[in-house]
Amino acid sequence: MRIVKAAVLVAALAIVPAAVYAQAGAKHAAPAAKKSAVASHTTAGTVKSSTDSSLVITKGGKDQTFTLTSSTEKTGTIANGAHVTVHYTMDGKSMVATSVAVQPEKPKTPKGTK
């Protein structure tokens, strides 16, 4: 009977540290996953110029330059003077566009009509 009690005690003492160690490892893994997420930003403005690799828009009188990559999603025809919405991420000091969407032009109504 003493041998059985001793065996149960030894087994319990072996299991408890293993369970605590497993939980501690899981707590440390979660923050690392959060750091890998890249912050995404959105802005809108008027196209000043564009090439295959860059886009310059004007917003509030200030120019913003974006890097375009082969994975940048483009919706609509990007032309000078077009109003666009840009989703982008920061790569150091560079703004890298993930998507550019041309906004449809609002129909102009003649003055005096409602």
PDB file of N, CA and C in Angstrom:
ATOM      1  N   MET A   1       0.827  -1.190   0.000  1.00  0.00           N
ATOM      2  CA  MET A   1       0.000   0.000   0.000  1.00  0.00           C
ATOM      3  C   MET A   1       0.874   1.258   0.000  1.00  0.00           C
ATOM      4  N   ARG A   2       1.971   1.204   0.757  1.00  0.00           N
ATOM      5  CA  ARG A   2       2.882   2.341   0.799  1.00  0.00           C
ATOM      6  C   ARG A   2       3.516   2.584  -0.568  1.00  0.00           C
ATOM      7  N   ILE A   3       3.803   1.536  -1.270  1.00  0.00           N
ATOM      8  CA  ILE A   3       4.427   1.654  -2.583  1.00  0.00           C
ATOM      9  C   ILE A   3       3.457   2.316  -3.561  1.00  0.00           C
ATOM     10  N   VAL A   4       2.178   1.976  -3.497  1.00  0.00           N
ATOM     11  CA  VAL A   4       1.168   2.569  -4.384  1.00  0.00           C
ATOM     12  C   VAL A   4       1.031   4.058  -4.094  1.00  0.00           C
ATOM     13  N   LYS A   5       0.967   4.425  -2.828  1.00  0.00           N
ATOM     14  CA  LYS A   5       0.860   5.845  -2.465  1.00  0.00           C
ATOM     15  C   LYS A   5       2.085   6.614  -2.948  1.00  0.00           C
ATOM     16  N   ALA A   6       3.237   6.044  -2.802  1.00  0.00           N
ATOM     17  CA  ALA A   6       4.472   6.701  -3.222  1.00  0.00           C
ATOM     18  C   ALA A   6       4.482   6.865  -4.745  1.00  0.00           C
ATOM     19  N   ALA A   7       4.019   5.854  -5.461  1.00  0.00           N
ATOM     20  CA  ALA A   7       3.991   5.919  -6.928  1.00  0.00           C
ATOM     21  C   ALA A   7       3.016   7.002  -7.392  1.00  0.00           C
ATOM     22  N   VAL A   8       1.861   7.105  -6.747  1.00  0.00           N
ATOM     23  CA  VAL A   8       0.875   8.132  -7.099  1.00  0.00           C
ATOM     24  C   VAL A   8       1.437   9.521  -6.809  1.00  0.00           C
ATOM     25  N   LEU A   9       2.107   9.681  -5.707  1.00  0.00           N
ATOM     26  CA  LEU A   9       2.705  10.963  -5.342  1.00  0.00           C
ATOM     27  C   LEU A   9       3.782  11.367  -6.349  1.00  0.00           C
ATOM     28  N   VAL A  10       4.628  10.453  -6.745  1.00  0.00           N
ATOM     29  CA  VAL A  10       5.685  10.741  -7.715  1.00  0.00           C
ATOM     30  C   VAL A  10       5.069  11.119  -9.061  1.00  0.00           C
ATOM     31  N   ALA A  11       4.043  10.403  -9.484  1.00  0.00           N
ATOM     32  CA  ALA A  11       3.378  10.700 -10.757  1.00  0.00           C
ATOM     33  C   ALA A  11       2.741  12.084 -10.727  1.00  0.00           C
ATOM     34  N   ALA A  12       2.090  12.436  -9.632  1.00  0.00           N
ATOM     35  CA  ALA A  12       1.453  13.748  -9.508  1.00  0.00           C
ATOM     36  C   ALA A  12       2.497  14.862  -9.548  1.00  0.00           C
ATOM     37  N   LEU A  13       3.611  14.641  -8.873  1.00  0.00           N
ATOM     38  CA  LEU A  13       4.668  15.645  -8.867  1.00  0.00           C
ATOM     39  C   LEU A  13       5.300  15.808 -10.255  1.00  0.00           C
ATOM     40  N   ALA A  14       5.284  14.773 -11.054  1.00  0.00           N
ATOM     41  CA  ALA A  14       5.848  14.847 -12.402  1.00  0.00           C
ATOM     42  C   ALA A  14       4.882  15.542 -13.368  1.00  0.00           C
ATOM     43  N   ILE A  15       3.588  15.366 -13.178  1.00  0.00           N
ATOM     44  CA  ILE A  15       2.584  15.923 -14.094  1.00  0.00           C
ATOM     45  C   ILE A  15       2.399  17.423 -13.878  1.00  0.00           C
ATOM     46  N   VAL A  16       2.366  17.890 -12.647  1.00  0.00           N
ATOM     47  CA  VAL A  16       2.105  19.296 -12.356  1.00  0.00           C
ATOM     48  C   VAL A  16       3.139  20.224 -13.014  1.00  0.00           C
ATOM     49  N   PRO A  17       4.441  20.005 -12.885  1.00  0.00           N
ATOM     50  CA  PRO A  17       5.397  20.901 -13.553  1.00  0.00           C
ATOM     51  C   PRO A  17       5.269  20.864 -15.079  1.00  0.00           C
ATOM     52  N   ALA A  18       4.957  19.708 -15.618  1.00  0.00           N
ATOM     53  CA  ALA A  18       4.800  19.604 -17.071  1.00  0.00           C
ATOM     54  C   ALA A  18       3.614  20.451 -17.535  1.00  0.00           C
ATOM     55  N   ALA A  19       2.528  20.441 -16.803  1.00  0.00           N
ATOM     56  CA  ALA A  19       1.351  21.234 -17.170  1.00  0.00           C
ATOM     57  C   ALA A  19       1.650  22.727 -17.048  1.00  0.00           C
ATOM     58  N   VAL A  20       2.351  23.117 -16.010  1.00  0.00           N
ATOM     59  CA  VAL A  20       2.696  24.533 -15.822  1.00  0.00           C
ATOM     60  C   VAL A  20       3.624  24.994 -16.933  1.00  0.00           C
ATOM     61  N   TYR A  21       4.594  24.185 -17.306  1.00  0.00           N
ATOM     62  CA  TYR A  21       5.528  24.537 -18.380  1.00  0.00           C
ATOM     63  C   TYR A  21       4.791  24.686 -19.713  1.00  0.00           C
ATOM     64  N   ALA A  22       3.837  23.821 -19.987  1.00  0.00           N
ATOM     65  CA  ALA A  22       3.077  23.894 -21.236  1.00  0.00           C
ATOM     66  C   ALA A  22       2.269  25.187 -21.309  1.00  0.00           C
ATOM     67  N   GLN A  23       1.657  25.602 -20.209  1.00  0.00           N
ATOM     68  CA  GLN A  23       0.888  26.839 -20.185  1.00  0.00           C
ATOM     69  C   GLN A  23       1.804  28.047 -20.351  1.00  0.00           C
ATOM     70  N   ALA A  24       2.951  28.048 -19.749  1.00  0.00           N
ATOM     71  CA  ALA A  24       3.886  29.167 -19.854  1.00  0.00           C
ATOM     72  C   ALA A  24       4.357  29.315 -21.289  1.00  0.00           C
ATOM     73  N   GLY A  25       4.591  28.228 -21.988  1.00  0.00           N
ATOM     74  CA  GLY A  25       5.002  28.287 -23.388  1.00  0.00           C
ATOM     75  C   GLY A  25       3.916  28.879 -24.266  1.00  0.00           C
ATOM     76  N   ALA A  26       2.665  28.566 -23.990  1.00  0.00           N
ATOM     77  CA  ALA A  26       1.554  29.100 -24.778  1.00  0.00           C
ATOM     78  C   ALA A  26       1.401  30.601 -24.560  1.00  0.00           C
ATOM     79  N   LYS A  27       1.650  31.094 -23.366  1.00  0.00           N
ATOM     80  CA  LYS A  27       1.531  32.525 -23.085  1.00  0.00           C
ATOM     81  C   LYS A  27       2.586  33.317 -23.837  1.00  0.00           C
ATOM     82  N   HIS A  28       3.774  32.792 -23.971  1.00  0.00           N
ATOM     83  CA  HIS A  28       4.853  33.501 -24.647  1.00  0.00           C
ATOM     84  C   HIS A  28       4.699  33.460 -26.159  1.00  0.00           C
ATOM     85  N   ALA A  29       3.994  32.510 -26.703  1.00  0.00           N
ATOM     86  CA  ALA A  29       3.834  32.397 -28.158  1.00  0.00           C
ATOM     87  C   ALA A  29       2.827  33.412 -28.690  1.00  0.00           C
ATOM     88  N   ALA A  30       1.832  33.781 -27.922  1.00  0.00           N
ATOM     89  CA  ALA A  30       0.784  34.692 -28.389  1.00  0.00           C
ATOM     90  C   ALA A  30       1.311  36.088 -28.730  1.00  0.00           C
ATOM     91  N   PRO A  31       2.133  36.742 -27.928  1.00  0.00           N
ATOM     92  CA  PRO A  31       2.610  38.071 -28.284  1.00  0.00           C
ATOM     93  C   PRO A  31       3.429  38.083 -29.576  1.00  0.00           C
ATOM     94  N   ALA A  32       4.157  37.037 -29.847  1.00  0.00           N
ATOM     95  CA  ALA A  32       4.943  36.982 -31.089  1.00  0.00           C
ATOM     96  C   ALA A  32       4.028  37.011 -32.302  1.00  0.00           C
ATOM     97  N   ALA A  33       2.876  36.374 -32.215  1.00  0.00           N
ATOM     98  CA  ALA A  33       1.937  36.370 -33.336  1.00  0.00           C
ATOM     99  C   ALA A  33       1.360  37.765 -33.569  1.00  0.00           C
ATOM    100  N   LYS A  34       1.131  38.523 -32.513  1.00  0.00           N
ATOM    101  CA  LYS A  34       0.589  39.870 -32.665  1.00  0.00           C
ATOM    102  C   LYS A  34       1.571  40.804 -33.356  1.00  0.00           C
ATOM    103  N   LYS A  35       2.863  40.649 -33.091  1.00  0.00           N
ATOM    104  CA  LYS A  35       3.861  41.532 -33.664  1.00  0.00           C
ATOM    105  C   LYS A  35       3.988  41.367 -35.166  1.00  0.00           C
ATOM    106  N   SER A  36       3.628  40.190 -35.699  1.00  0.00           N
ATOM    107  CA  SER A  36       3.797  39.960 -37.124  1.00  0.00           C
ATOM    108  C   SER A  36       2.706  40.639 -37.961  1.00  0.00           C
ATOM    109  N   ALA A  37       1.633  41.076 -37.347  1.00  0.00           N
ATOM    110  CA  ALA A  37       0.580  41.761 -38.083  1.00  0.00           C
ATOM    111  C   ALA A  37       1.067  43.144 -38.508  1.00  0.00           C
ATOM    112  N   VAL A  38       0.821  43.486 -39.763  1.00  0.00           N
ATOM    113  CA  VAL A  38       1.257  44.771 -40.306  1.00  0.00           C
ATOM    114  C   VAL A  38       0.072  45.725 -40.280  1.00  0.00           C
ATOM    115  N   ALA A  39       0.283  46.930 -39.774  1.00  0.00           N
ATOM    116  CA  ALA A  39      -0.783  47.928 -39.709  1.00  0.00           C
ATOM    117  C   ALA A  39      -1.119  48.410 -41.109  1.00  0.00           C
ATOM    118  N   SER A  40      -2.410  48.493 -41.389  1.00  0.00           N
ATOM    119  CA  SER A  40      -2.882  48.952 -42.687  1.00  0.00           C
ATOM    120  C   SER A  40      -3.524  50.325 -42.519  1.00  0.00           C
ATOM    121  N   HIS A  41      -3.294  51.200 -43.477  1.00  0.00           N
ATOM    122  CA  HIS A  41      -3.821  52.557 -43.437  1.00  0.00           C
ATOM    123  C   HIS A  41      -4.625  52.826 -44.707  1.00  0.00           C
ATOM    124  N   THR A  42      -5.471  53.841 -44.659  1.00  0.00           N
ATOM    125  CA  THR A  42      -6.272  54.226 -45.816  1.00  0.00           C
ATOM    126  C   THR A  42      -6.257  55.738 -45.954  1.00  0.00           C
ATOM    127  N   THR A  43      -6.197  56.206 -47.197  1.00  0.00           N
ATOM    128  CA  THR A  43      -6.285  57.634 -47.479  1.00  0.00           C
ATOM    129  C   THR A  43      -6.948  57.806 -48.837  1.00  0.00           C
ATOM    130  N   ALA A  44      -7.341  59.015 -49.130  1.00  0.00           N
ATOM    131  CA  ALA A  44      -7.965  59.310 -50.419  1.00  0.00           C
ATOM    132  C   ALA A  44      -7.473  60.672 -50.888  1.00  0.00           C
ATOM    133  N   GLY A  45      -7.443  60.849 -52.206  1.00  0.00           N
ATOM    134  CA  GLY A  45      -7.000  62.120 -52.763  1.00  0.00           C
ATOM    135  C   GLY A  45      -7.116  62.109 -54.267  1.00  0.00           C
ATOM    136  N   THR A  46      -6.536  63.128 -54.902  1.00  0.00           N
ATOM    137  CA  THR A  46      -6.580  63.287 -56.354  1.00  0.00           C
ATOM    138  C   THR A  46      -5.226  62.905 -56.940  1.00  0.00           C
ATOM    139  N   VAL A  47      -5.250  62.101 -58.007  1.00  0.00           N
ATOM    140  CA  VAL A  47      -4.011  61.640 -58.626  1.00  0.00           C
ATOM    141  C   VAL A  47      -3.282  62.822 -59.257  1.00  0.00           C
ATOM    142  N   LYS A  48      -2.036  62.999 -58.862  1.00  0.00           N
ATOM    143  CA  LYS A  48      -1.184  64.031 -59.444  1.00  0.00           C
ATOM    144  C   LYS A  48      -0.351  63.423 -60.568  1.00  0.00           C
ATOM    145  N   SER A  49       0.196  62.229 -60.305  1.00  0.00           N
ATOM    146  CA  SER A  49       0.940  61.497 -61.331  1.00  0.00           C
ATOM    147  C   SER A  49       0.987  60.023 -60.956  1.00  0.00           C
ATOM    148  N   SER A  50       1.225  59.181 -61.970  1.00  0.00           N
ATOM    149  CA  SER A  50       1.352  57.755 -61.694  1.00  0.00           C
ATOM    150  C   SER A  50       2.233  57.092 -62.743  1.00  0.00           C
ATOM    151  N   THR A  51       2.958  56.076 -62.290  1.00  0.00           N
ATOM    152  CA  THR A  51       3.751  55.226 -63.168  1.00  0.00           C
ATOM    153  C   THR A  51       3.444  53.786 -62.766  1.00  0.00           C
ATOM    154  N   ASP A  52       4.136  52.832 -63.385  1.00  0.00           N
ATOM    155  CA  ASP A  52       3.934  51.429 -63.014  1.00  0.00           C
ATOM    156  C   ASP A  52       4.413  51.135 -61.599  1.00  0.00           C
ATOM    157  N   SER A  53       5.342  51.952 -61.083  1.00  0.00           N
ATOM    158  CA  SER A  53       5.916  51.659 -59.769  1.00  0.00           C
ATOM    159  C   SER A  53       5.618  52.697 -58.697  1.00  0.00           C
ATOM    160  N   SER A  54       4.957  53.817 -59.058  1.00  0.00           N
ATOM    161  CA  SER A  54       4.647  54.822 -58.033  1.00  0.00           C
ATOM    162  C   SER A  54       3.358  55.565 -58.351  1.00  0.00           C
ATOM    163  N   LEU A  55       2.793  56.132 -57.293  1.00  0.00           N
ATOM    164  CA  LEU A  55       1.563  56.912 -57.396  1.00  0.00           C
ATOM    165  C   LEU A  55       1.709  58.112 -56.481  1.00  0.00           C
ATOM    166  N   VAL A  56       1.428  59.306 -57.015  1.00  0.00           N
ATOM    167  CA  VAL A  56       1.466  60.527 -56.219  1.00  0.00           C
ATOM    168  C   VAL A  56       0.058  61.095 -56.207  1.00  0.00           C
ATOM    169  N   ILE A  57      -0.491  61.279 -54.989  1.00  0.00           N
ATOM    170  CA  ILE A  57      -1.806  61.898 -54.865  1.00  0.00           C
ATOM    171  C   ILE A  57      -1.676  63.181 -54.062  1.00  0.00           C
ATOM    172  N   THR A  58      -2.641  64.072 -54.263  1.00  0.00           N
ATOM    173  CA  THR A  58      -2.692  65.323 -53.512  1.00  0.00           C
ATOM    174  C   THR A  58      -3.881  65.243 -52.572  1.00  0.00           C
ATOM    175  N   LYS A  59      -3.617  65.536 -51.306  1.00  0.00           N
ATOM    176  CA  LYS A  59      -4.676  65.532 -50.291  1.00  0.00           C
ATOM    177  C   LYS A  59      -4.450  66.734 -49.398  1.00  0.00           C
ATOM    178  N   GLY A  60      -5.393  67.635 -49.370  1.00  0.00           N
ATOM    179  CA  GLY A  60      -5.276  68.814 -48.520  1.00  0.00           C
ATOM    180  C   GLY A  60      -4.100  69.696 -48.894  1.00  0.00           C
ATOM    181  N   GLY A  61      -3.758  69.734 -50.173  1.00  0.00           N
ATOM    182  CA  GLY A  61      -2.653  70.566 -50.623  1.00  0.00           C
ATOM    183  C   GLY A  61      -1.280  69.932 -50.453  1.00  0.00           C
ATOM    184  N   LYS A  62      -1.219  68.729 -49.881  1.00  0.00           N
ATOM    185  CA  LYS A  62       0.062  68.047 -49.679  1.00  0.00           C
ATOM    186  C   LYS A  62       0.118  66.797 -50.555  1.00  0.00           C
ATOM    187  N   ASP A  63       1.303  66.544 -51.098  1.00  0.00           N
ATOM    188  CA  ASP A  63       1.503  65.360 -51.925  1.00  0.00           C
ATOM    189  C   ASP A  63       1.875  64.164 -51.063  1.00  0.00           C
ATOM    190  N   GLN A  64       1.353  62.996 -51.453  1.00  0.00           N
ATOM    191  CA  GLN A  64       1.712  61.730 -50.814  1.00  0.00           C
ATOM    192  C   GLN A  64       2.159  60.788 -51.920  1.00  0.00           C
ATOM    193  N   THR A  65       3.326  60.169 -51.739  1.00  0.00           N
ATOM    194  CA  THR A  65       3.877  59.267 -52.742  1.00  0.00           C
ATOM    195  C   THR A  65       3.804  57.833 -52.238  1.00  0.00           C
ATOM    196  N   PHE A  66       3.260  56.950 -53.075  1.00  0.00           N
ATOM    197  CA  PHE A  66       3.097  55.539 -52.739  1.00  0.00           C
ATOM    198  C   PHE A  66       3.906  54.685 -53.704  1.00  0.00           C
ATOM    199  N   THR A  67       4.425  53.586 -53.196  1.00  0.00           N
ATOM    200  CA  THR A  67       5.105  52.607 -54.036  1.00  0.00           C
ATOM    201  C   THR A  67       4.066  51.594 -54.493  1.00  0.00           C
ATOM    202  N   LEU A  68       4.034  51.311 -55.806  1.00  0.00           N
ATOM    203  CA  LEU A  68       3.141  50.301 -56.354  1.00  0.00           C
ATOM    204  C   LEU A  68       3.958  49.048 -56.651  1.00  0.00           C
ATOM    205  N   THR A  69       3.427  47.883 -56.301  1.00  0.00           N
ATOM    206  CA  THR A  69       4.114  46.616 -56.552  1.00  0.00           C
ATOM    207  C   THR A  69       3.256  45.751 -57.473  1.00  0.00           C
ATOM    208  N   SER A  70       3.778  44.610 -57.839  1.00  0.00           N
ATOM    209  CA  SER A  70       3.019  43.696 -58.694  1.00  0.00           C
ATOM    210  C   SER A  70       1.804  43.135 -57.963  1.00  0.00           C
ATOM    211  N   SER A  71       1.812  43.165 -56.638  1.00  0.00           N
ATOM    212  CA  SER A  71       0.668  42.655 -55.880  1.00  0.00           C
ATOM    213  C   SER A  71      -0.343  43.745 -55.510  1.00  0.00           C
ATOM    214  N   THR A  72      -0.094  44.992 -55.906  1.00  0.00           N
ATOM    215  CA  THR A  72      -1.047  46.072 -55.635  1.00  0.00           C
ATOM    216  C   THR A  72      -2.302  45.848 -56.479  1.00  0.00           C
ATOM    217  N   GLU A  73      -3.455  45.789 -55.811  1.00  0.00           N
ATOM    218  CA  GLU A  73      -4.726  45.614 -56.523  1.00  0.00           C
ATOM    219  C   GLU A  73      -5.179  46.967 -57.045  1.00  0.00           C
ATOM    220  N   LYS A  74      -5.498  47.040 -58.336  1.00  0.00           N
ATOM    221  CA  LYS A  74      -5.933  48.300 -58.945  1.00  0.00           C
ATOM    222  C   LYS A  74      -7.342  48.120 -59.488  1.00  0.00           C
ATOM    223  N   THR A  75      -8.240  49.007 -59.056  1.00  0.00           N
ATOM    224  CA  THR A  75      -9.617  48.980 -59.514  1.00  0.00           C
ATOM    225  C   THR A  75      -9.883  50.275 -60.274  1.00  0.00           C
ATOM    226  N   GLY A  76     -10.221  50.158 -61.555  1.00  0.00           N
ATOM    227  CA  GLY A  76     -10.470  51.337 -62.373  1.00  0.00           C
ATOM    228  C   GLY A  76      -9.197  51.811 -63.052  1.00  0.00           C
ATOM    229  N   THR A  77      -9.354  52.847 -63.890  1.00  0.00           N
ATOM    230  CA  THR A  77      -8.223  53.410 -64.610  1.00  0.00           C
ATOM    231  C   THR A  77      -7.636  54.565 -63.810  1.00  0.00           C
ATOM    232  N   ILE A  78      -6.369  54.423 -63.453  1.00  0.00           N
ATOM    233  CA  ILE A  78      -5.698  55.461 -62.672  1.00  0.00           C
ATOM    234  C   ILE A  78      -5.166  56.502 -63.646  1.00  0.00           C
ATOM    235  N   ALA A  79      -5.783  57.685 -63.626  1.00  0.00           N
ATOM    236  CA  ALA A  79      -5.388  58.769 -64.523  1.00  0.00           C
ATOM    237  C   ALA A  79      -5.226  60.044 -63.717  1.00  0.00           C
ATOM    238  N   ASN A  80      -4.422  60.966 -64.229  1.00  0.00           N
ATOM    239  CA  ASN A  80      -4.239  62.247 -63.548  1.00  0.00           C
ATOM    240  C   ASN A  80      -5.588  62.923 -63.360  1.00  0.00           C
ATOM    241  N   GLY A  81      -5.822  63.436 -62.161  1.00  0.00           N
ATOM    242  CA  GLY A  81      -7.068  64.126 -61.851  1.00  0.00           C
ATOM    243  C   GLY A  81      -8.151  63.215 -61.288  1.00  0.00           C
ATOM    244  N   ALA A  82      -7.954  61.905 -61.335  1.00  0.00           N
ATOM    245  CA  ALA A  82      -8.955  60.973 -60.809  1.00  0.00           C
ATOM    246  C   ALA A  82      -8.908  60.969 -59.284  1.00  0.00           C
ATOM    247  N   HIS A  83     -10.062  60.786 -58.663  1.00  0.00           N
ATOM    248  CA  HIS A  83     -10.145  60.682 -57.208  1.00  0.00           C
ATOM    249  C   HIS A  83      -9.987  59.204 -56.850  1.00  0.00           C
ATOM    250  N   VAL A  84      -9.002  58.898 -55.980  1.00  0.00           N
ATOM    251  CA  VAL A  84      -8.720  57.508 -55.627  1.00  0.00           C
ATOM    252  C   VAL A  84      -8.699  57.309 -54.117  1.00  0.00           C
ATOM    253  N   THR A  85      -8.958  56.069 -53.718  1.00  0.00           N
ATOM    254  CA  THR A  85      -8.791  55.644 -52.336  1.00  0.00           C
ATOM    255  C   THR A  85      -7.639  54.650 -52.331  1.00  0.00           C
ATOM    256  N   VAL A  86      -6.671  54.865 -51.437  1.00  0.00           N
ATOM    257  CA  VAL A  86      -5.473  54.028 -51.383  1.00  0.00           C
ATOM    258  C   VAL A  86      -5.399  53.340 -50.028  1.00  0.00           C
ATOM    259  N   HIS A  87      -5.268  52.019 -50.051  1.00  0.00           N
ATOM    260  CA  HIS A  87      -4.977  51.244 -48.844  1.00  0.00           C
ATOM    261  C   HIS A  87      -3.488  50.934 -48.915  1.00  0.00           C
ATOM    262  N   TYR A  88      -2.774  51.161 -47.798  1.00  0.00           N
ATOM    263  CA  TYR A  88      -1.325  50.985 -47.833  1.00  0.00           C
ATOM    264  C   TYR A  88      -0.773  50.536 -46.488  1.00  0.00           C
ATOM    265  N   THR A  89       0.468  50.053 -46.529  1.00  0.00           N
ATOM    266  CA  THR A  89       1.207  49.690 -45.326  1.00  0.00           C
ATOM    267  C   THR A  89       2.511  50.476 -45.335  1.00  0.00           C
ATOM    268  N   MET A  90       3.127  50.594 -44.172  1.00  0.00           N
ATOM    269  CA  MET A  90       4.400  51.299 -44.072  1.00  0.00           C
ATOM    270  C   MET A  90       5.538  50.277 -44.124  1.00  0.00           C
ATOM    271  N   ASP A  91       6.531  50.572 -44.953  1.00  0.00           N
ATOM    272  CA  ASP A  91       7.746  49.767 -45.023  1.00  0.00           C
ATOM    273  C   ASP A  91       8.899  50.721 -44.756  1.00  0.00           C
ATOM    274  N   GLY A  92       9.265  50.859 -43.486  1.00  0.00           N
ATOM    275  CA  GLY A  92      10.224  51.890 -43.092  1.00  0.00           C
ATOM    276  C   GLY A  92       9.530  53.235 -43.224  1.00  0.00           C
ATOM    277  N   LYS A  93      10.063  54.110 -44.089  1.00  0.00           N
ATOM    278  CA  LYS A  93       9.430  55.410 -44.323  1.00  0.00           C
ATOM    279  C   LYS A  93       8.624  55.410 -45.613  1.00  0.00           C
ATOM    280  N   SER A  94       8.588  54.277 -46.307  1.00  0.00           N
ATOM    281  CA  SER A  94       7.883  54.165 -47.583  1.00  0.00           C
ATOM    282  C   SER A  94       6.435  53.726 -47.376  1.00  0.00           C
ATOM    283  N   MET A  95       5.518  54.338 -48.117  1.00  0.00           N
ATOM    284  CA  MET A  95       4.118  53.921 -48.101  1.00  0.00           C
ATOM    285  C   MET A  95       3.925  52.993 -49.300  1.00  0.00           C
ATOM    286  N   VAL A  96       3.614  51.716 -49.031  1.00  0.00           N
ATOM    287  CA  VAL A  96       3.459  50.717 -50.076  1.00  0.00           C
ATOM    288  C   VAL A  96       1.969  50.437 -50.255  1.00  0.00           C
ATOM    289  N   ALA A  97       1.452  50.761 -51.436  1.00  0.00           N
ATOM    290  CA  ALA A  97       0.022  50.599 -51.709  1.00  0.00           C
ATOM    291  C   ALA A  97      -0.332  49.123 -51.847  1.00  0.00           C
ATOM    292  N   THR A  98      -1.351  48.690 -51.111  1.00  0.00           N
ATOM    293  CA  THR A  98      -1.851  47.323 -51.257  1.00  0.00           C
ATOM    294  C   THR A  98      -3.033  47.299 -52.218  1.00  0.00           C
ATOM    295  N   SER A  99      -3.791  48.411 -52.279  1.00  0.00           N
ATOM    296  CA  SER A  99      -4.867  48.522 -53.267  1.00  0.00           C
ATOM    297  C   SER A  99      -5.144  49.995 -53.569  1.00  0.00           C
ATOM    298  N   VAL A 100      -5.520  50.231 -54.830  1.00  0.00           N
ATOM    299  CA  VAL A 100      -5.881  51.576 -55.290  1.00  0.00           C
ATOM    300  C   VAL A 100      -7.218  51.442 -56.005  1.00  0.00           C
ATOM    301  N   ALA A 101      -8.217  52.196 -55.540  1.00  0.00           N
ATOM    302  CA  ALA A 101      -9.544  52.148 -56.152  1.00  0.00           C
ATOM    303  C   ALA A 101      -9.920  53.536 -56.653  1.00  0.00           C
ATOM    304  N   VAL A 102     -10.235  53.617 -57.943  1.00  0.00           N
ATOM    305  CA  VAL A 102     -10.674  54.882 -58.531  1.00  0.00           C
ATOM    306  C   VAL A 102     -12.136  55.069 -58.173  1.00  0.00           C
ATOM    307  N   GLN A 103     -12.456  56.232 -57.613  1.00  0.00           N
ATOM    308  CA  GLN A 103     -13.836  56.538 -57.236  1.00  0.00           C
ATOM    309  C   GLN A 103     -14.566  57.128 -58.440  1.00  0.00           C
ATOM    310  N   PRO A 104     -15.811  56.697 -58.676  1.00  0.00           N
ATOM    311  CA  PRO A 104     -16.555  57.247 -59.808  1.00  0.00           C
ATOM    312  C   PRO A 104     -16.795  58.740 -59.631  1.00  0.00           C
ATOM    313  N   GLU A 105     -16.768  59.437 -60.748  1.00  0.00           N
ATOM    314  CA  GLU A 105     -16.987  60.874 -60.716  1.00  0.00           C
ATOM    315  C   GLU A 105     -18.462  61.153 -60.435  1.00  0.00           C
ATOM    316  N   LYS A 106     -18.725  62.107 -59.551  1.00  0.00           N
ATOM    317  CA  LYS A 106     -20.101  62.466 -59.236  1.00  0.00           C
ATOM    318  C   LYS A 106     -20.689  63.228 -60.403  1.00  0.00           C
ATOM    319  N   PRO A 107     -21.936  62.903 -60.782  1.00  0.00           N
ATOM    320  CA  PRO A 107     -22.560  63.641 -61.883  1.00  0.00           C
ATOM    321  C   PRO A 107     -22.781  65.106 -61.492  1.00  0.00           C
ATOM    322  N   LYS A 108     -22.464  65.991 -62.400  1.00  0.00           N
ATOM    323  CA  LYS A 108     -22.625  67.413 -62.124  1.00  0.00           C
ATOM    324  C   LYS A 108     -24.046  67.826 -62.471  1.00  0.00           C
ATOM    325  N   THR A 109     -24.656  68.535 -61.509  1.00  0.00           N
ATOM    326  CA  THR A 109     -26.018  69.032 -61.755  1.00  0.00           C
ATOM    327  C   THR A 109     -25.934  70.519 -62.064  1.00  0.00           C
ATOM    328  N   PRO A 110     -26.685  70.970 -63.044  1.00  0.00           N
ATOM    329  CA  PRO A 110     -26.666  72.402 -63.369  1.00  0.00           C
ATOM    330  C   PRO A 110     -27.160  73.231 -62.189  1.00  0.00           C
ATOM    331  N   LYS A 111     -26.622  74.451 -62.070  1.00  0.00           N
ATOM    332  CA  LYS A 111     -27.034  75.341 -60.976  1.00  0.00           C
ATOM    333  C   LYS A 111     -28.509  75.660 -61.123  1.00  0.00           C
ATOM    334  N   GLY A 112     -29.180  75.787 -60.009  1.00  0.00           N
ATOM    335  CA  GLY A 112     -30.578  76.181 -59.993  1.00  0.00           C
ATOM    336  C   GLY A 112     -31.537  74.998 -60.049  1.00  0.00           C
ATOM    337  N   THR A 113     -31.034  73.768 -60.196  1.00  0.00           N
ATOM    338  CA  THR A 113     -31.912  72.605 -60.205  1.00  0.00           C
ATOM    339  C   THR A 113     -31.682  71.790 -58.943  1.00  0.00           C
ATOM    340  N   LYS A 114     -32.684  71.071 -58.564  1.00  0.00           N
ATOM    341  CA  LYS A 114     -32.575  70.253 -57.355  1.00  0.00           C
ATOM    342  C   LYS A 114     -32.724  68.797 -57.686  1.00  0.00           C
TER     343      LYS A 114
END
